[in-house]
Structure formats: structure tokens, C-alpha cells
Amino acid sequence: MNEALLVVDVQKTFEDDEKWGPRSTPQAEQNMKRLLDKWRKHDKEAIFIRHLSQDPGSAFYPEKESSHFKDIIAPAEDEVIFTKEVNSAFIGTKLHSYLSEKNITSLVIIGLTTPHCVSTTARMSGNLGYETYVISDACAAHALKDHQGDAISPETVHQVSLASLHEEFATVLSTEQLIKKIDDEYCVD
């Protein structure tokens, strides 16, 4: 199986801007780094997705520092970056054609945020026929308000988002489960 690690929107705005509010999975970036390090160690394909906005007032505006990748999980010089303007990494990018050219049939998705860009990308990935994995503790969600204005905790948002993906669009695994899968594949003790 030819697989790629898809790192979605791990950008500074999510650490610098308090507007996002409380967040689940405080260790997500550390888990992302562990997975990225493991991925690179085995010379596997890592692809980075960056959300950018044309609105100068947005934290995702390209000239703003907040739109840059977080230092802990920044791409290496030779790693591919796709830029998107919507939630899905497949819309308005050449991601799908790139994956096809590389014969990549499986995607492991990590990043920010679980109910938005991670979920939308995972849903499209599954619908496009990729074997898709979302790593539960290598992504995170912020608190939301529902249609009646009631607060929903970040942990609940995160868990419900993962539950809506699992066994429908993707297989949800933990960082440890994926590391074990990689170690088993490479016969590492």
C-alpha cells in the first residue's frame, strides 16, 4: 500500500489567536511531531496543507505571521505543500491529481481542526476511494455553539467529529496504534 501523511492546517493562528477559545487534545502537536518524525524516518511521503484567505482581515491572510506553519510541525524543504481556501484539501488544489500520479492509495490525516478541515478532508478522501485514517490524538477541536447558542465543549466536539468519521469515511486510530502499525510494517522491535 502506498500511503501519505496529510498534515492539515497546523498554523500559528491556532496558538496565537484567543478567538478560538478552549481546545481539546492539548498534546496534539506533540503527537503530530512524533508521527511526522516516524514518517520521515521511513522516507514516507508527507504532504502539508495550508489554509490561506484572500481577506486581509483574516488570520489566514498570507502576509500575516499567523498564517504560517507552527514551528513544531513545519514542512521540510523538499516536502509538498498545497494551499487551499476552503475546508477540504481536495477543493481548489491539485492534491487528488498529485496523489494519483504518485499512486498513493491511503491517507493518514492529522491536523487542525477536527470538525472542520480535518473532517471535511477525511470525508472527501473516503468518498474519492482512498483508504483513510484519522489520528484521534493528533488533531484537535475548539468549543462551539450550536444553532440555539448553547455551548458544546471542545472534547465533545472532537469526539462527535471522530465518531461521525469512523467506519463511514475513515478508520480512527490513536498515535500509539499508528506507530505500532508502522513498526509492524517495518518489523521494528
N, C-alpha and C. Protein backbone atom coordinates (compact mmCIF):
# COMPACT_ATOMS: atom_id res chain seq x y z
N MET A 1 0.85 -1.18 0.00
CA MET A 1 0.00 0.00 0.00
C MET A 1 0.89 1.23 0.00
N ASN A 2 0.60 2.16 -0.89
CA ASN A 2 1.34 3.41 -0.97
C ASN A 2 0.55 4.47 -0.21
N GLU A 3 1.12 4.95 0.88
CA GLU A 3 0.37 5.88 1.73
C GLU A 3 1.13 7.18 1.95
N ALA A 4 0.38 8.21 2.31
CA ALA A 4 0.95 9.52 2.61
C ALA A 4 0.37 10.03 3.91
N LEU A 5 1.17 10.81 4.61
CA LEU A 5 0.72 11.52 5.80
C LEU A 5 0.27 12.90 5.34
N LEU A 6 -0.97 13.25 5.64
CA LEU A 6 -1.53 14.54 5.26
C LEU A 6 -1.64 15.40 6.51
N VAL A 7 -0.85 16.47 6.56
CA VAL A 7 -0.80 17.37 7.71
C VAL A 7 -1.63 18.60 7.36
N VAL A 8 -2.77 18.74 8.02
CA VAL A 8 -3.76 19.75 7.64
C VAL A 8 -3.74 20.96 8.58
N ASP A 9 -3.43 22.12 8.03
CA ASP A 9 -3.63 23.43 8.68
C ASP A 9 -3.02 23.58 10.07
N VAL A 10 -1.82 23.10 10.26
CA VAL A 10 -1.16 23.26 11.56
C VAL A 10 -0.45 24.62 11.52
N GLN A 11 -1.26 25.66 11.70
CA GLN A 11 -0.81 27.03 11.50
C GLN A 11 -0.85 27.82 12.81
N LYS A 12 -0.02 28.86 12.85
CA LYS A 12 0.18 29.63 14.08
C LYS A 12 -1.07 30.30 14.62
N THR A 13 -2.02 30.60 13.77
CA THR A 13 -3.24 31.24 14.25
C THR A 13 -3.91 30.43 15.35
N PHE A 14 -3.76 29.10 15.29
CA PHE A 14 -4.41 28.25 16.28
C PHE A 14 -3.69 28.25 17.63
N GLU A 15 -2.51 28.85 17.71
CA GLU A 15 -1.85 29.00 19.01
C GLU A 15 -1.85 30.46 19.46
N ASP A 16 -1.93 31.37 18.50
CA ASP A 16 -1.78 32.79 18.81
C ASP A 16 -3.10 33.52 19.03
N ASP A 17 -4.18 33.06 18.47
CA ASP A 17 -5.42 33.81 18.47
C ASP A 17 -6.40 33.23 19.49
N GLU A 18 -6.70 34.00 20.51
CA GLU A 18 -7.59 33.55 21.58
C GLU A 18 -9.04 33.41 21.13
N LYS A 19 -9.37 33.92 19.94
CA LYS A 19 -10.76 33.85 19.47
C LYS A 19 -11.25 32.42 19.34
N TRP A 20 -10.33 31.46 19.21
CA TRP A 20 -10.74 30.07 19.04
C TRP A 20 -11.30 29.48 20.32
N GLY A 21 -10.91 30.00 21.47
CA GLY A 21 -11.44 29.51 22.74
C GLY A 21 -10.80 28.20 23.19
N PRO A 22 -11.42 27.54 24.16
CA PRO A 22 -10.87 26.29 24.71
C PRO A 22 -10.72 25.22 23.63
N ARG A 23 -9.73 24.35 23.84
CA ARG A 23 -9.40 23.34 22.84
C ARG A 23 -9.24 21.96 23.47
N SER A 24 -9.59 20.95 22.71
CA SER A 24 -9.35 19.55 23.13
C SER A 24 -7.91 19.17 22.81
N THR A 25 -7.53 18.01 23.22
CA THR A 25 -6.29 17.35 22.81
C THR A 25 -5.05 18.25 22.91
N PRO A 26 -4.71 18.69 24.13
CA PRO A 26 -3.57 19.60 24.27
C PRO A 26 -2.25 19.03 23.76
N GLN A 27 -2.12 17.71 23.68
CA GLN A 27 -0.89 17.07 23.23
C GLN A 27 -0.89 16.81 21.71
N ALA A 28 -1.85 17.34 20.99
CA ALA A 28 -1.99 17.03 19.56
C ALA A 28 -0.72 17.35 18.76
N GLU A 29 -0.16 18.52 18.95
CA GLU A 29 1.03 18.89 18.17
C GLU A 29 2.22 17.99 18.48
N GLN A 30 2.37 17.59 19.75
CA GLN A 30 3.46 16.68 20.10
C GLN A 30 3.26 15.32 19.41
N ASN A 31 2.01 14.86 19.36
CA ASN A 31 1.71 13.60 18.66
C ASN A 31 1.92 13.74 17.16
N MET A 32 1.53 14.89 16.60
CA MET A 32 1.78 15.14 15.18
C MET A 32 3.27 15.05 14.89
N LYS A 33 4.07 15.68 15.74
CA LYS A 33 5.53 15.66 15.55
C LYS A 33 6.08 14.24 15.64
N ARG A 34 5.61 13.47 16.61
CA ARG A 34 6.06 12.07 16.72
C ARG A 34 5.76 11.30 15.44
N LEU A 35 4.56 11.49 14.92
CA LEU A 35 4.17 10.78 13.69
C LEU A 35 4.97 11.27 12.49
N LEU A 36 5.15 12.57 12.40
CA LEU A 36 5.93 13.13 11.29
C LEU A 36 7.37 12.63 11.35
N ASP A 37 7.96 12.61 12.54
CA ASP A 37 9.33 12.10 12.69
C ASP A 37 9.42 10.64 12.27
N LYS A 38 8.45 9.84 12.69
CA LYS A 38 8.41 8.41 12.33
C LYS A 38 8.25 8.27 10.82
N TRP A 39 7.39 9.08 10.24
CA TRP A 39 7.12 9.05 8.81
C TRP A 39 8.39 9.36 8.03
N ARG A 40 9.07 10.43 8.44
CA ARG A 40 10.30 10.84 7.76
C ARG A 40 11.40 9.79 7.92
N LYS A 41 11.47 9.18 9.09
CA LYS A 41 12.49 8.15 9.34
C LYS A 41 12.39 7.02 8.32
N HIS A 42 11.18 6.71 7.90
CA HIS A 42 10.97 5.62 6.94
C HIS A 42 10.81 6.13 5.50
N ASP A 43 11.19 7.39 5.27
CA ASP A 43 11.14 8.00 3.93
C ASP A 43 9.77 7.86 3.27
N LYS A 44 8.73 8.06 4.08
CA LYS A 44 7.37 8.01 3.56
C LYS A 44 6.93 9.43 3.20
N GLU A 45 5.99 9.53 2.30
CA GLU A 45 5.52 10.83 1.78
C GLU A 45 4.72 11.60 2.83
N ALA A 46 5.15 12.83 3.12
CA ALA A 46 4.39 13.75 3.97
C ALA A 46 3.96 14.94 3.11
N ILE A 47 2.69 15.27 3.18
CA ILE A 47 2.11 16.36 2.39
C ILE A 47 1.49 17.35 3.37
N PHE A 48 1.77 18.62 3.18
CA PHE A 48 1.26 19.66 4.06
C PHE A 48 0.18 20.48 3.36
N ILE A 49 -0.85 20.76 4.12
CA ILE A 49 -1.96 21.59 3.64
C ILE A 49 -1.95 22.88 4.44
N ARG A 50 -2.08 23.98 3.74
CA ARG A 50 -2.08 25.30 4.38
C ARG A 50 -3.32 26.07 3.94
N HIS A 51 -4.09 26.52 4.91
CA HIS A 51 -5.29 27.31 4.61
C HIS A 51 -4.89 28.78 4.50
N LEU A 52 -5.24 29.40 3.39
CA LEU A 52 -4.99 30.83 3.21
C LEU A 52 -6.27 31.52 2.76
N SER A 53 -6.38 32.79 3.12
CA SER A 53 -7.55 33.59 2.79
C SER A 53 -7.15 34.81 1.97
N GLN A 54 -8.03 35.25 1.11
CA GLN A 54 -7.81 36.48 0.34
C GLN A 54 -8.20 37.72 1.14
N ASP A 55 -8.81 37.54 2.30
CA ASP A 55 -9.29 38.64 3.14
C ASP A 55 -8.14 39.15 4.02
N PRO A 56 -7.71 40.41 3.83
CA PRO A 56 -6.61 40.96 4.63
C PRO A 56 -6.92 40.98 6.13
N GLY A 57 -8.18 40.90 6.51
CA GLY A 57 -8.54 40.88 7.93
C GLY A 57 -8.47 39.50 8.57
N SER A 58 -8.27 38.48 7.77
CA SER A 58 -8.25 37.11 8.26
C SER A 58 -6.89 36.74 8.85
N ALA A 59 -6.92 35.92 9.89
CA ALA A 59 -5.67 35.38 10.46
C ALA A 59 -4.97 34.46 9.47
N PHE A 60 -5.69 34.02 8.44
CA PHE A 60 -5.12 33.14 7.42
C PHE A 60 -4.62 33.90 6.19
N TYR A 61 -4.58 35.23 6.28
CA TYR A 61 -4.07 36.04 5.17
C TYR A 61 -2.58 35.76 5.02
N PRO A 62 -2.10 35.50 3.80
CA PRO A 62 -0.72 35.03 3.59
C PRO A 62 0.38 35.90 4.18
N GLU A 63 0.18 37.20 4.22
CA GLU A 63 1.23 38.09 4.74
C GLU A 63 1.29 38.12 6.26
N LYS A 64 0.33 37.52 6.93
CA LYS A 64 0.32 37.52 8.39
C LYS A 64 1.10 36.32 8.93
N GLU A 65 1.87 36.56 9.95
CA GLU A 65 2.64 35.51 10.62
C GLU A 65 1.72 34.38 11.09
N SER A 66 0.50 34.72 11.48
CA SER A 66 -0.44 33.73 11.99
C SER A 66 -0.82 32.67 10.94
N SER A 67 -0.61 32.97 9.67
CA SER A 67 -0.94 32.00 8.61
C SER A 67 0.19 30.99 8.38
N HIS A 68 1.34 31.22 8.98
CA HIS A 68 2.49 30.32 8.78
C HIS A 68 2.32 29.03 9.58
N PHE A 69 3.04 28.00 9.16
CA PHE A 69 3.02 26.73 9.89
C PHE A 69 3.60 26.90 11.28
N LYS A 70 3.08 26.15 12.24
CA LYS A 70 3.68 26.11 13.56
C LYS A 70 5.07 25.50 13.44
N ASP A 71 6.00 26.04 14.21
CA ASP A 71 7.39 25.58 14.12
C ASP A 71 7.53 24.09 14.42
N ILE A 72 6.74 23.57 15.35
CA ILE A 72 6.86 22.18 15.77
C ILE A 72 6.56 21.19 14.66
N ILE A 73 5.79 21.61 13.66
CA ILE A 73 5.37 20.68 12.61
C ILE A 73 5.49 21.31 11.23
N ALA A 74 6.53 22.07 11.02
CA ALA A 74 6.74 22.73 9.73
C ALA A 74 7.27 21.74 8.69
N PRO A 75 6.92 21.96 7.42
CA PRO A 75 7.41 21.08 6.38
C PRO A 75 8.91 21.24 6.16
N ALA A 76 9.55 20.15 5.76
CA ALA A 76 10.94 20.20 5.33
C ALA A 76 10.98 20.82 3.94
N GLU A 77 12.15 21.23 3.53
CA GLU A 77 12.30 21.94 2.27
C GLU A 77 11.80 21.15 1.06
N ASP A 78 11.94 19.82 1.10
CA ASP A 78 11.56 19.01 -0.05
C ASP A 78 10.15 18.44 0.03
N GLU A 79 9.39 18.81 1.07
CA GLU A 79 8.04 18.27 1.22
C GLU A 79 7.01 19.15 0.51
N VAL A 80 6.01 18.52 -0.01
CA VAL A 80 4.99 19.18 -0.84
C VAL A 80 4.00 19.93 0.05
N ILE A 81 3.62 21.13 -0.41
CA ILE A 81 2.61 21.96 0.27
C ILE A 81 1.52 22.31 -0.74
N PHE A 82 0.28 22.08 -0.34
CA PHE A 82 -0.87 22.53 -1.12
C PHE A 82 -1.58 23.60 -0.33
N THR A 83 -2.00 24.64 -1.02
CA THR A 83 -2.70 25.75 -0.39
C THR A 83 -4.16 25.69 -0.79
N LYS A 84 -5.02 25.85 0.22
CA LYS A 84 -6.46 25.81 -0.03
C LYS A 84 -7.13 27.05 0.55
N GLU A 85 -8.35 27.31 0.10
CA GLU A 85 -9.12 28.45 0.60
C GLU A 85 -10.44 28.02 1.23
N VAL A 86 -10.71 26.72 1.21
CA VAL A 86 -11.94 26.18 1.80
C VAL A 86 -11.55 25.04 2.74
N ASN A 87 -12.56 24.39 3.34
CA ASN A 87 -12.26 23.35 4.33
C ASN A 87 -11.58 22.11 3.77
N SER A 88 -11.93 21.68 2.59
CA SER A 88 -11.37 20.45 2.03
C SER A 88 -10.04 20.69 1.33
N ALA A 89 -9.07 19.85 1.63
CA ALA A 89 -7.77 19.92 0.96
C ALA A 89 -7.86 19.50 -0.51
N PHE A 90 -8.99 18.93 -0.91
CA PHE A 90 -9.16 18.48 -2.29
C PHE A 90 -9.79 19.53 -3.19
N ILE A 91 -10.43 20.54 -2.62
CA ILE A 91 -11.15 21.55 -3.42
C ILE A 91 -10.21 22.71 -3.75
N GLY A 92 -10.07 23.00 -5.05
CA GLY A 92 -9.25 24.12 -5.48
C GLY A 92 -7.76 23.86 -5.40
N THR A 93 -7.36 22.59 -5.23
CA THR A 93 -5.94 22.22 -5.20
C THR A 93 -5.71 21.09 -6.19
N LYS A 94 -4.47 20.74 -6.37
CA LYS A 94 -4.11 19.62 -7.24
C LYS A 94 -3.78 18.38 -6.41
N LEU A 95 -4.29 18.31 -5.18
CA LEU A 95 -3.99 17.19 -4.29
C LEU A 95 -4.39 15.85 -4.91
N HIS A 96 -5.62 15.75 -5.38
CA HIS A 96 -6.10 14.47 -5.92
C HIS A 96 -5.25 14.01 -7.10
N SER A 97 -4.94 14.91 -8.02
CA SER A 97 -4.12 14.51 -9.18
C SER A 97 -2.70 14.16 -8.75
N TYR A 98 -2.16 14.87 -7.76
CA TYR A 98 -0.83 14.56 -7.24
C TYR A 98 -0.80 13.15 -6.64
N LEU A 99 -1.80 12.84 -5.82
CA LEU A 99 -1.88 11.51 -5.21
C LEU A 99 -2.00 10.43 -6.28
N SER A 100 -2.79 10.70 -7.30
CA SER A 100 -2.95 9.73 -8.40
C SER A 100 -1.64 9.50 -9.13
N GLU A 101 -0.93 10.59 -9.43
CA GLU A 101 0.36 10.48 -10.11
C GLU A 101 1.35 9.66 -9.31
N LYS A 102 1.31 9.79 -7.98
CA LYS A 102 2.23 9.08 -7.09
C LYS A 102 1.72 7.69 -6.71
N ASN A 103 0.56 7.32 -7.23
CA ASN A 103 -0.07 6.03 -6.90
C ASN A 103 -0.32 5.87 -5.40
N ILE A 104 -0.64 6.95 -4.75
CA ILE A 104 -0.95 6.91 -3.32
C ILE A 104 -2.41 6.50 -3.17
N THR A 105 -2.64 5.45 -2.40
CA THR A 105 -3.99 4.91 -2.24
C THR A 105 -4.50 5.04 -0.82
N SER A 106 -3.65 5.48 0.10
CA SER A 106 -4.03 5.57 1.50
C SER A 106 -3.53 6.88 2.09
N LEU A 107 -4.39 7.53 2.88
CA LEU A 107 -4.02 8.79 3.53
C LEU A 107 -4.20 8.67 5.04
N VAL A 108 -3.20 9.15 5.76
CA VAL A 108 -3.27 9.28 7.21
C VAL A 108 -3.37 10.78 7.48
N ILE A 109 -4.47 11.19 8.12
CA ILE A 109 -4.75 12.62 8.28
C ILE A 109 -4.57 13.03 9.73
N ILE A 110 -3.78 14.11 9.90
CA ILE A 110 -3.58 14.75 11.21
C ILE A 110 -3.74 16.25 11.00
N GLY A 111 -3.99 17.00 12.07
CA GLY A 111 -4.03 18.44 11.91
C GLY A 111 -5.15 19.13 12.65
N LEU A 112 -5.49 20.31 12.16
CA LEU A 112 -6.45 21.19 12.82
C LEU A 112 -7.48 21.69 11.81
N THR A 113 -8.67 21.83 12.21
CA THR A 113 -9.32 21.34 13.41
C THR A 113 -10.21 20.16 13.04
N THR A 114 -10.48 19.33 14.05
CA THR A 114 -11.19 18.08 13.81
C THR A 114 -12.54 18.26 13.10
N PRO A 115 -13.43 19.16 13.56
CA PRO A 115 -14.75 19.23 12.93
C PRO A 115 -14.76 20.01 11.61
N HIS A 116 -13.69 20.66 11.29
CA HIS A 116 -13.68 21.49 10.09
C HIS A 116 -12.82 20.87 9.00
N CYS A 117 -11.60 21.33 8.87
CA CYS A 117 -10.77 20.91 7.73
C CYS A 117 -10.33 19.46 7.80
N VAL A 118 -10.07 18.93 9.00
CA VAL A 118 -9.71 17.52 9.11
C VAL A 118 -10.89 16.65 8.67
N SER A 119 -12.06 16.92 9.21
CA SER A 119 -13.25 16.14 8.90
C SER A 119 -13.64 16.25 7.43
N THR A 120 -13.65 17.46 6.91
CA THR A 120 -14.06 17.66 5.51
C THR A 120 -13.09 16.97 4.57
N THR A 121 -11.81 17.07 4.86
CA THR A 121 -10.81 16.40 4.03
C THR A 121 -10.94 14.88 4.14
N ALA A 122 -11.16 14.37 5.35
CA ALA A 122 -11.32 12.92 5.54
C ALA A 122 -12.55 12.40 4.81
N ARG A 123 -13.64 13.13 4.86
CA ARG A 123 -14.86 12.71 4.17
C ARG A 123 -14.62 12.63 2.66
N MET A 124 -13.98 13.64 2.11
CA MET A 124 -13.72 13.63 0.67
C MET A 124 -12.72 12.53 0.32
N SER A 125 -11.72 12.33 1.16
CA SER A 125 -10.74 11.28 0.94
C SER A 125 -11.43 9.92 0.85
N GLY A 126 -12.30 9.64 1.80
CA GLY A 126 -13.05 8.39 1.78
C GLY A 126 -13.94 8.29 0.56
N ASN A 127 -14.62 9.37 0.22
CA ASN A 127 -15.51 9.36 -0.95
C ASN A 127 -14.76 9.19 -2.26
N LEU A 128 -13.51 9.65 -2.29
CA LEU A 128 -12.70 9.51 -3.50
C LEU A 128 -12.04 8.13 -3.60
N GLY A 129 -12.25 7.30 -2.58
CA GLY A 129 -11.76 5.93 -2.63
C GLY A 129 -10.43 5.67 -1.95
N TYR A 130 -9.88 6.66 -1.26
CA TYR A 130 -8.64 6.43 -0.53
C TYR A 130 -8.93 5.67 0.76
N GLU A 131 -8.05 4.76 1.11
CA GLU A 131 -8.11 4.16 2.45
C GLU A 131 -7.66 5.27 3.39
N THR A 132 -8.54 5.69 4.28
CA THR A 132 -8.32 6.91 5.05
C THR A 132 -8.26 6.60 6.53
N TYR A 133 -7.27 7.20 7.19
CA TYR A 133 -7.11 7.10 8.64
C TYR A 133 -7.07 8.51 9.22
N VAL A 134 -7.75 8.72 10.33
CA VAL A 134 -7.67 9.97 11.08
C VAL A 134 -7.11 9.61 12.44
N ILE A 135 -6.11 10.35 12.88
CA ILE A 135 -5.44 10.03 14.14
C ILE A 135 -6.03 10.90 15.24
N SER A 136 -6.76 10.25 16.14
CA SER A 136 -7.61 10.93 17.13
C SER A 136 -6.88 11.91 18.03
N ASP A 137 -5.69 11.56 18.46
CA ASP A 137 -4.97 12.44 19.39
C ASP A 137 -3.89 13.25 18.69
N ALA A 138 -3.96 13.31 17.36
CA ALA A 138 -3.08 14.17 16.57
C ALA A 138 -3.91 15.16 15.76
N CYS A 139 -5.08 15.47 16.30
CA CYS A 139 -5.93 16.55 15.79
C CYS A 139 -6.69 17.11 16.99
N ALA A 140 -7.32 18.24 16.82
CA ALA A 140 -7.96 18.90 17.97
C ALA A 140 -9.15 19.73 17.50
N ALA A 141 -10.04 19.98 18.46
CA ALA A 141 -11.24 20.79 18.19
C ALA A 141 -11.35 21.89 19.24
N HIS A 142 -12.02 22.95 18.85
CA HIS A 142 -12.35 24.04 19.78
C HIS A 142 -13.82 23.93 20.19
N ALA A 143 -14.16 24.57 21.27
CA ALA A 143 -15.55 24.63 21.69
C ALA A 143 -16.38 25.30 20.59
N LEU A 144 -17.62 24.90 20.49
CA LEU A 144 -18.55 25.50 19.52
C LEU A 144 -19.86 25.86 20.21
N LYS A 145 -20.65 26.68 19.53
CA LYS A 145 -22.02 26.93 19.96
C LYS A 145 -22.94 26.31 18.94
N ASP A 146 -24.00 25.67 19.42
CA ASP A 146 -24.94 25.05 18.50
C ASP A 146 -25.90 26.09 17.94
N HIS A 147 -26.86 25.64 17.15
CA HIS A 147 -27.80 26.54 16.47
C HIS A 147 -28.71 27.30 17.44
N GLN A 148 -28.74 26.86 18.70
CA GLN A 148 -29.54 27.56 19.71
C GLN A 148 -28.67 28.42 20.63
N GLY A 149 -27.37 28.46 20.33
CA GLY A 149 -26.46 29.27 21.13
C GLY A 149 -25.90 28.57 22.35
N ASP A 150 -26.19 27.27 22.49
CA ASP A 150 -25.68 26.51 23.62
C ASP A 150 -24.25 26.07 23.36
N ALA A 151 -23.41 26.17 24.39
CA ALA A 151 -22.00 25.80 24.28
C ALA A 151 -21.84 24.29 24.22
N ILE A 152 -20.92 23.85 23.38
CA ILE A 152 -20.55 22.45 23.28
C ILE A 152 -19.04 22.39 23.57
N SER A 153 -18.67 21.57 24.52
CA SER A 153 -17.27 21.51 24.95
C SER A 153 -16.36 21.05 23.81
N PRO A 154 -15.09 21.46 23.85
CA PRO A 154 -14.18 21.03 22.79
C PRO A 154 -14.01 19.51 22.76
N GLU A 155 -14.04 18.87 23.92
CA GLU A 155 -13.91 17.40 23.95
C GLU A 155 -15.10 16.73 23.27
N THR A 156 -16.30 17.26 23.51
CA THR A 156 -17.49 16.70 22.87
C THR A 156 -17.45 16.92 21.36
N VAL A 157 -17.09 18.12 20.94
CA VAL A 157 -16.98 18.43 19.51
C VAL A 157 -15.99 17.46 18.86
N HIS A 158 -14.86 17.27 19.51
CA HIS A 158 -13.80 16.39 18.99
C HIS A 158 -14.30 14.95 18.86
N GLN A 159 -14.89 14.43 19.94
CA GLN A 159 -15.34 13.04 19.95
C GLN A 159 -16.47 12.79 18.96
N VAL A 160 -17.42 13.70 18.87
CA VAL A 160 -18.53 13.52 17.92
C VAL A 160 -18.01 13.61 16.48
N SER A 161 -17.07 14.51 16.24
CA SER A 161 -16.49 14.62 14.90
C SER A 161 -15.81 13.32 14.50
N LEU A 162 -15.03 12.74 15.42
CA LEU A 162 -14.35 11.48 15.13
C LEU A 162 -15.36 10.34 14.94
N ALA A 163 -16.38 10.32 15.79
CA ALA A 163 -17.40 9.27 15.70
C ALA A 163 -18.13 9.32 14.36
N SER A 164 -18.35 10.53 13.83
CA SER A 164 -19.06 10.65 12.55
C SER A 164 -18.19 10.21 11.37
N LEU A 165 -16.88 10.14 11.57
CA LEU A 165 -15.97 9.69 10.52
C LEU A 165 -15.72 8.19 10.56
N HIS A 166 -15.59 7.65 11.77
CA HIS A 166 -15.13 6.27 11.97
C HIS A 166 -16.09 5.25 11.33
N GLU A 167 -15.48 4.38 10.55
CA GLU A 167 -16.17 3.29 9.86
C GLU A 167 -17.19 3.77 8.81
N GLU A 168 -17.18 5.05 8.53
CA GLU A 168 -18.02 5.59 7.46
C GLU A 168 -17.13 6.18 6.37
N PHE A 169 -16.22 7.07 6.76
CA PHE A 169 -15.31 7.72 5.83
C PHE A 169 -13.86 7.35 6.09
N ALA A 170 -13.56 6.92 7.31
CA ALA A 170 -12.18 6.69 7.72
C ALA A 170 -12.15 5.69 8.87
N THR A 171 -10.94 5.24 9.16
CA THR A 171 -10.69 4.47 10.38
C THR A 171 -9.99 5.41 11.34
N VAL A 172 -10.52 5.53 12.53
CA VAL A 172 -9.91 6.41 13.54
C VAL A 172 -8.98 5.56 14.41
N LEU A 173 -7.73 5.99 14.48
CA LEU A 173 -6.71 5.34 15.30
C LEU A 173 -6.08 6.37 16.23
N SER A 174 -5.39 5.89 17.26
CA SER A 174 -4.59 6.78 18.11
C SER A 174 -3.17 6.84 17.56
N THR A 175 -2.39 7.76 18.07
CA THR A 175 -0.97 7.85 17.69
C THR A 175 -0.27 6.53 17.97
N GLU A 176 -0.49 5.96 19.16
CA GLU A 176 0.17 4.69 19.51
C GLU A 176 -0.23 3.56 18.57
N GLN A 177 -1.51 3.50 18.20
CA GLN A 177 -1.95 2.45 17.28
C GLN A 177 -1.28 2.59 15.92
N LEU A 178 -1.14 3.83 15.44
CA LEU A 178 -0.49 4.03 14.14
C LEU A 178 1.00 3.72 14.23
N ILE A 179 1.66 4.14 15.31
CA ILE A 179 3.08 3.83 15.46
C ILE A 179 3.30 2.32 15.49
N LYS A 180 2.44 1.60 16.18
CA LYS A 180 2.54 0.13 16.22
C LYS A 180 2.37 -0.45 14.81
N LYS A 181 1.40 0.09 14.07
CA LYS A 181 1.16 -0.37 12.69
C LYS A 181 2.40 -0.14 11.83
N ILE A 182 3.03 1.02 11.96
CA ILE A 182 4.23 1.34 11.19
C ILE A 182 5.38 0.42 11.62
N ASP A 183 5.56 0.26 12.93
CA ASP A 183 6.63 -0.61 13.43
C ASP A 183 6.44 -2.04 12.96
N ASP A 184 5.19 -2.52 12.97
CA ASP A 184 4.92 -3.87 12.48
C ASP A 184 5.25 -4.00 10.99
N GLU A 185 4.92 -2.96 10.25
CA GLU A 185 5.20 -2.95 8.80
C GLU A 185 6.69 -3.02 8.52
N TYR A 186 7.49 -2.34 9.36
CA TYR A 186 8.94 -2.31 9.17
C TYR A 186 9.67 -3.28 10.09
N CYS A 187 8.91 -4.15 10.77
CA CYS A 187 9.47 -5.17 11.67
C CYS A 187 10.40 -4.57 12.70
N VAL A 188 9.96 -3.49 13.34
CA VAL A 188 10.75 -2.83 14.37
C VAL A 188 10.35 -3.38 15.73
N ASP A 189 11.34 -3.74 16.56
CA ASP A 189 11.05 -4.22 17.91
C ASP A 189 11.04 -3.09 18.90
